[in-house]
N, C-alpha and C. Protein backbone atom coordinates (compact mmCIF):
# COMPACT_ATOMS: atom_id res chain seq x y z
N MET A 1 108.61 121.19 74.18
CA MET A 1 108.27 120.66 73.11
C MET A 1 107.61 121.81 72.48
N PRO A 2 108.14 122.63 71.21
CA PRO A 2 107.72 123.77 71.40
C PRO A 2 106.01 123.56 70.39
N ASN A 3 105.44 125.30 71.00
CA ASN A 3 103.86 124.77 70.22
C ASN A 3 103.76 125.81 69.13
N GLU A 4 103.20 126.42 68.66
CA GLU A 4 103.38 126.70 67.07
C GLU A 4 103.72 128.32 66.97
N THR A 5 104.11 128.58 68.18
CA THR A 5 105.41 129.19 68.35
C THR A 5 106.59 129.31 68.74
N GLY A 6 106.68 128.25 68.88
CA GLY A 6 108.23 127.63 68.75
C GLY A 6 108.50 127.50 69.95
N GLN A 7 107.83 128.21 70.78
CA GLN A 7 108.20 128.06 72.35
C GLN A 7 107.57 126.77 72.88
N PRO A 8 108.61 126.47 74.04
CA PRO A 8 108.34 125.15 74.80
C PRO A 8 106.67 125.28 75.62
N ILE A 9 106.09 123.97 75.56
CA ILE A 9 104.81 124.00 76.04
C ILE A 9 104.82 124.53 77.67
N LYS A 10 103.60 124.84 78.01
CA LYS A 10 103.48 125.12 79.27
C LYS A 10 102.74 124.97 79.84
N LEU A 11 102.17 123.78 80.83
CA LEU A 11 101.27 123.36 81.52
C LEU A 11 100.85 124.46 82.15
N ALA A 12 99.02 124.08 82.35
CA ALA A 12 98.57 124.82 83.45
C ALA A 12 99.20 125.24 84.59
N ALA A 13 98.72 125.95 85.38
CA ALA A 13 98.98 126.20 86.69
C ALA A 13 98.66 125.24 87.71
N GLU A 14 97.65 124.65 87.59
CA GLU A 14 97.46 122.85 88.43
C GLU A 14 97.91 122.18 88.14
N ALA A 15 98.00 121.70 86.90
CA ALA A 15 98.96 120.89 86.30
C ALA A 15 100.08 121.14 86.85
N GLU A 16 100.94 122.33 86.23
CA GLU A 16 102.15 122.25 86.99
C GLU A 16 102.61 122.29 87.98
N GLN A 17 101.75 122.80 89.38
CA GLN A 17 101.60 122.60 90.29
C GLN A 17 101.74 121.17 91.00
N ARG A 18 100.53 120.47 90.53
CA ARG A 18 100.57 118.88 90.80
C ARG A 18 101.86 118.18 90.54
N SER A 19 102.62 118.61 88.95
CA SER A 19 103.86 118.09 88.86
C SER A 19 104.68 118.11 89.45
N VAL A 20 104.95 119.30 90.09
CA VAL A 20 106.01 119.88 90.80
C VAL A 20 105.71 118.85 91.99
N ALA A 21 105.03 118.88 92.79
CA ALA A 21 104.74 118.01 93.82
C ALA A 21 105.02 116.39 93.45
N SER A 22 104.26 115.96 92.73
CA SER A 22 104.52 114.77 92.46
C SER A 22 106.26 114.46 92.41
N ILE A 23 107.40 115.18 91.41
CA ILE A 23 108.71 115.26 91.41
C ILE A 23 108.72 115.00 93.02
N LYS A 24 108.63 116.24 93.30
CA LYS A 24 109.30 116.09 94.77
C LYS A 24 109.10 114.88 95.95
N ARG A 25 107.73 114.41 95.69
CA ARG A 25 107.53 113.02 96.45
C ARG A 25 108.32 112.29 95.87
N PHE A 26 108.14 112.02 94.48
CA PHE A 26 109.12 110.48 93.99
C PHE A 26 110.65 110.69 94.60
N PHE A 27 110.89 111.89 94.38
CA PHE A 27 112.37 112.22 95.14
C PHE A 27 112.49 112.02 96.55
N GLY A 28 111.67 111.94 97.29
CA GLY A 28 111.51 111.83 98.67
C GLY A 28 111.56 110.21 98.92
N GLU A 29 110.54 109.39 97.99
CA GLU A 29 110.38 108.47 98.50
C GLU A 29 111.16 107.38 97.95
N HIS A 30 111.88 107.64 96.41
CA HIS A 30 112.41 106.77 96.02
C HIS A 30 113.89 107.32 95.95
N MET A 31 114.41 107.89 96.12
CA MET A 31 115.91 108.75 95.91
C MET A 31 116.39 109.37 97.28
N ASP A 32 115.72 108.97 98.26
CA ASP A 32 115.78 109.30 99.81
C ASP A 32 116.36 110.66 99.81
N ASP A 33 115.93 111.76 99.18
CA ASP A 33 116.53 113.08 98.35
C ASP A 33 115.36 113.80 98.20
N ASP A 34 115.26 114.86 99.76
CA ASP A 34 114.39 116.17 99.18
C ASP A 34 115.03 117.23 98.08
N VAL A 35 113.89 117.53 97.31
CA VAL A 35 114.35 118.63 96.71
C VAL A 35 112.64 119.54 96.43
N GLY A 36 113.59 120.80 96.80
CA GLY A 36 112.89 122.19 96.56
C GLY A 36 111.99 122.12 95.31
N ASP A 37 111.36 123.29 95.45
CA ASP A 37 110.44 123.40 94.32
C ASP A 37 110.92 123.98 93.15
N LEU A 38 112.50 124.89 93.41
CA LEU A 38 112.83 125.34 92.02
C LEU A 38 113.63 124.15 91.49
N LYS A 39 113.97 123.33 92.44
CA LYS A 39 114.87 121.88 91.62
C LYS A 39 113.85 121.11 90.99
N ALA A 40 112.29 120.84 91.37
CA ALA A 40 111.13 120.18 91.04
C ALA A 40 111.18 120.72 89.76
N LYS A 41 111.18 122.59 89.86
CA LYS A 41 110.03 122.99 88.51
C LYS A 41 111.17 122.72 87.36
N LEU A 42 112.89 122.77 87.58
CA LEU A 42 113.81 123.33 86.79
C LEU A 42 113.92 121.48 86.08
N LEU A 43 113.31 120.46 86.98
CA LEU A 43 113.42 119.40 86.38
C LEU A 43 111.97 119.02 85.47
N LEU A 44 111.27 119.28 85.78
CA LEU A 44 109.76 119.17 85.05
C LEU A 44 109.98 120.39 84.14
N ASP A 45 110.83 121.27 83.64
CA ASP A 45 110.89 122.01 82.17
C ASP A 45 112.19 121.29 81.76
N PHE A 46 112.79 120.84 82.06
CA PHE A 46 113.64 119.80 81.44
C PHE A 46 112.89 118.75 80.92
N PHE A 47 112.42 117.88 81.60
CA PHE A 47 111.75 117.27 81.12
C PHE A 47 110.68 117.14 79.75
N LEU A 48 109.77 118.37 79.65
CA LEU A 48 108.95 118.63 78.99
C LEU A 48 109.62 119.00 77.91
N GLU A 49 110.66 119.72 77.52
CA GLU A 49 111.75 120.78 76.56
C GLU A 49 112.52 119.44 76.14
N GLU A 50 113.09 118.44 76.84
CA GLU A 50 113.85 117.40 76.10
C GLU A 50 112.95 115.86 76.00
N ILE A 51 112.32 115.57 76.85
CA ILE A 51 111.43 114.09 76.61
C ILE A 51 109.91 114.34 76.11
N GLY A 52 109.31 115.45 76.03
CA GLY A 52 107.94 115.70 75.93
C GLY A 52 107.58 115.65 74.35
N PRO A 53 108.75 116.44 73.79
CA PRO A 53 108.52 115.86 72.25
C PRO A 53 108.37 114.61 71.63
N THR A 54 109.49 113.95 72.41
CA THR A 54 109.19 112.28 72.10
C THR A 54 107.64 111.59 72.32
N VAL A 55 107.22 111.82 73.42
CA VAL A 55 106.17 111.23 73.83
C VAL A 55 104.99 112.02 73.18
N TYR A 56 104.83 113.34 72.85
CA TYR A 56 103.82 114.13 72.09
C TYR A 56 103.75 113.20 71.04
N ASN A 57 104.77 113.06 70.07
CA ASN A 57 105.38 112.73 68.77
C ASN A 57 104.60 111.08 68.62
N ARG A 58 104.81 110.47 70.17
CA ARG A 58 104.09 108.92 70.00
C ARG A 58 102.72 108.87 70.00
N ALA A 59 102.47 110.44 70.83
CA ALA A 59 100.57 110.26 70.74
C ALA A 59 100.23 110.33 69.70
N ILE A 60 100.64 111.81 69.10
CA ILE A 60 100.31 112.24 67.63
C ILE A 60 100.49 110.70 66.83
N GLY A 61 101.41 109.87 66.92
CA GLY A 61 101.55 108.63 65.78
C GLY A 61 100.20 108.12 66.10
N ASP A 62 100.08 107.47 67.54
CA ASP A 62 98.65 106.64 67.78
C ASP A 62 98.07 107.19 67.25
N ALA A 63 97.47 108.60 67.45
CA ALA A 63 95.98 109.29 67.03
C ALA A 63 95.70 108.83 65.03
N GLN A 64 96.75 109.03 64.96
CA GLN A 64 97.15 108.93 63.28
C GLN A 64 96.42 107.30 63.31
N ALA A 65 97.30 106.48 63.31
CA ALA A 65 96.96 105.28 63.42
C ALA A 65 95.62 104.95 63.57
N THR A 66 95.54 105.10 65.15
CA THR A 66 93.53 104.64 64.90
C THR A 66 92.53 105.17 64.40
N LEU A 67 93.00 106.65 63.80
CA LEU A 67 91.96 107.58 63.01
C LEU A 67 91.99 106.69 61.44
N GLN A 68 92.96 106.31 60.93
CA GLN A 68 93.80 105.51 59.83
C GLN A 68 93.16 104.61 59.89
N GLU A 69 92.91 103.42 60.86
CA GLU A 69 91.81 102.36 60.92
C GLU A 69 90.84 102.22 60.54
N ARG A 70 90.05 103.50 61.31
CA ARG A 70 89.00 104.03 61.55
C ARG A 70 88.27 104.15 60.12
N VAL A 71 89.12 104.95 59.56
CA VAL A 71 88.37 105.74 58.20
C VAL A 71 88.66 104.85 57.03
N GLY A 72 89.45 103.49 57.11
CA GLY A 72 89.78 102.40 56.71
C GLY A 72 88.38 101.42 56.72
N ASP A 73 87.81 101.15 57.90
CA ASP A 73 86.60 100.35 57.97
C ASP A 73 85.40 101.26 57.61
N LEU A 74 85.26 102.87 57.17
CA LEU A 74 83.97 103.20 56.77
C LEU A 74 82.94 102.33 55.59
N ASP A 75 83.82 101.89 55.11
CA ASP A 75 82.87 100.95 54.18
C ASP A 75 82.29 99.65 55.17
N GLY A 76 82.57 99.04 55.58
CA GLY A 76 82.43 98.05 56.51
C GLY A 76 81.20 98.58 57.58
N SER A 77 81.70 99.77 58.41
CA SER A 77 81.03 100.17 59.12
C SER A 77 79.58 101.62 59.27
N CYS A 78 79.88 101.54 58.11
CA CYS A 78 79.01 102.83 57.56
C CYS A 78 78.02 102.35 56.06
N TYR A 79 78.51 101.48 55.72
CA TYR A 79 77.77 101.38 54.75
C TYR A 79 76.20 101.05 54.52
N GLN A 80 75.70 101.69 53.65
CA GLN A 80 74.08 101.12 53.58
C GLN A 80 73.59 100.50 52.51
N ALA A 81 73.21 99.54 52.27
CA ALA A 81 72.43 98.85 51.06
C ALA A 81 71.68 99.78 50.67
N GLU A 82 71.84 99.59 49.15
CA GLU A 82 70.93 100.51 48.20
C GLU A 82 69.70 99.36 47.76
N PHE A 83 68.84 100.53 47.64
CA PHE A 83 67.77 99.66 46.47
C PHE A 83 67.05 98.19 47.34
N ASN A 84 66.92 98.27 48.73
CA ASN A 84 66.61 96.71 49.62
C ASN A 84 65.24 96.60 49.23
N TYR A 85 64.47 97.20 48.94
CA TYR A 85 63.00 96.87 48.83
C TYR A 85 62.30 95.31 48.20
N TRP A 86 63.08 95.41 47.17
CA TRP A 86 62.96 94.03 46.20
C TRP A 86 64.06 92.95 46.56
N ARG A 87 64.49 92.84 47.81
CA ARG A 87 65.32 91.84 47.69
C ARG A 87 64.37 90.56 48.63
């Protein structure tokens, strides 16, 4: 998933380590195959580059929809009646 420089996104070191550990655990428990750090890291990099943009675009779309919904309701949620003294 490219960032503003066009390079694939990089996870923070801790997030990358936890992701690699999770991939290794998944393979061990569900695929009856142990994978090492290198294979897990390569798979993580593939997911970030190939599938990451789809997830990112979906998240942006969801955020836009939420913001548009809230902006559309500004009149209902933020409106203050004027000149209420004589009512």
